[in-house]
């Protein structure tokens, strides 16, 4: 089997490298999307914009609902996914 891997490396090497890059990007995007602190920060920023009159009532309600849904989704994600460093 080692000879087969060696002979197919010119083709499989770039494919495996591309897969690693995509997996790394996906992991980073997932971390950012499910970051509880970032979601809370966005909610606080939205509240500030609303209080200063930069955001209408309808826009505030729409964005707040989306952030609350994302916060609940992030909490579920953190509860269901194994913590890093634990095996």
Protein backbone atom coordinates (compact mmCIF):
# COMPACT_ATOMS: atom_id res chain seq x y z
CA UNK A 1 0.00 0.00 0.00
CA UNK A 2 2.94 2.32 0.64
CA UNK A 3 4.06 2.08 -2.99
CA UNK A 4 0.57 3.06 -4.16
CA UNK A 5 0.59 6.16 -1.93
CA UNK A 6 4.04 7.05 -3.19
CA UNK A 7 3.02 6.70 -6.83
CA UNK A 8 -0.21 8.69 -6.40
CA UNK A 9 1.33 11.43 -4.27
CA UNK A 10 1.72 13.91 -7.15
CA UNK A 11 -2.07 13.82 -7.52
CA UNK A 12 -3.21 13.10 -3.96
CA UNK A 13 -0.79 15.53 -2.27
CA UNK A 14 -2.41 18.72 -3.60
CA UNK A 15 -5.89 17.27 -3.02
CA UNK A 16 -5.09 16.43 0.59
CA UNK A 17 -3.47 19.85 1.04
CA UNK A 18 -6.57 21.54 -0.35
CA UNK A 19 -8.77 19.49 1.98
CA UNK A 20 -6.63 20.54 4.96
CA UNK A 21 -6.93 24.21 3.97
CA UNK A 22 -10.71 23.95 3.60
CA UNK A 23 -11.05 22.11 6.92
CA UNK A 24 -8.94 24.79 8.63
CA UNK A 25 -11.05 27.61 7.16
CA UNK A 26 -14.26 25.82 8.13
CA UNK A 27 -13.03 25.32 11.71
CA UNK A 28 -12.14 29.01 12.01
CA UNK A 29 -15.48 30.11 10.56
CA UNK A 30 -17.29 27.78 12.96
CA UNK A 31 -15.35 29.22 15.94
CA UNK A 32 -16.22 32.77 14.92
CA UNK A 33 -19.89 31.98 14.24
CA UNK A 34 -20.37 30.21 17.58
CA UNK A 35 -18.31 32.66 19.69
CA UNK A 36 -20.63 33.60 22.57
CA UNK A 37 -18.66 36.71 23.50
CA UNK A 38 -18.76 38.03 19.93
CA UNK A 39 -22.53 37.49 19.74
CA UNK A 40 -23.05 39.32 23.03
CA UNK A 41 -20.84 42.14 21.78
CA UNK A 42 -22.92 42.42 18.62
CA UNK A 43 -26.08 42.53 20.73
CA UNK A 44 -24.64 45.32 22.88
CA UNK A 45 -23.60 47.25 19.77
CA UNK A 46 -27.09 46.85 18.31
CA UNK A 47 -28.61 48.14 21.55
CA UNK A 48 -26.32 51.18 21.45
CA UNK A 49 -27.27 51.87 17.83
CA UNK A 50 -30.96 51.56 18.70
CA UNK A 51 -30.71 53.89 21.68
CA UNK A 52 -28.88 56.50 19.61
CA UNK A 53 -31.57 56.34 16.92
CA UNK A 54 -29.39 54.83 14.20
CA UNK A 55 -31.61 51.73 13.92
CA UNK A 56 -35.39 51.68 13.48
CA UNK A 57 -37.70 49.60 15.67
CA UNK A 58 -38.31 47.08 12.90
CA UNK A 59 -34.61 46.74 12.08
CA UNK A 60 -33.76 46.38 15.77
CA UNK A 61 -36.36 43.64 16.26
CA UNK A 62 -35.22 41.76 13.16
CA UNK A 63 -31.52 41.90 14.03
CA UNK A 64 -32.08 41.18 17.72
CA UNK A 65 -34.14 38.09 16.89
CA UNK A 66 -31.44 36.84 14.53
CA UNK A 67 -28.75 37.38 17.18
CA UNK A 68 -30.83 35.65 19.87
CA UNK A 69 -31.36 32.65 17.57
CA UNK A 70 -27.63 32.57 16.87
CA UNK A 71 -26.87 32.79 20.61
CA UNK A 72 -29.14 29.83 21.35
CA UNK A 73 -27.60 27.90 18.47
CA UNK A 74 -24.11 28.69 19.79
CA UNK A 75 -25.00 27.52 23.29
CA UNK A 76 -26.36 24.25 21.90
CA UNK A 77 -23.22 23.86 19.80
CA UNK A 78 -20.93 24.34 22.81
CA UNK A 79 -22.96 21.93 24.93
CA UNK A 80 -23.03 19.20 22.28
CA UNK A 81 -19.46 19.48 20.96
CA UNK A 82 -16.56 18.00 22.91
CA UNK A 83 -14.26 20.55 24.47
CA UNK A 84 -10.84 21.03 22.87
CA UNK A 85 -8.13 19.27 24.79
CA UNK A 86 -10.41 16.53 26.11
CA UNK A 87 -10.25 13.06 24.62
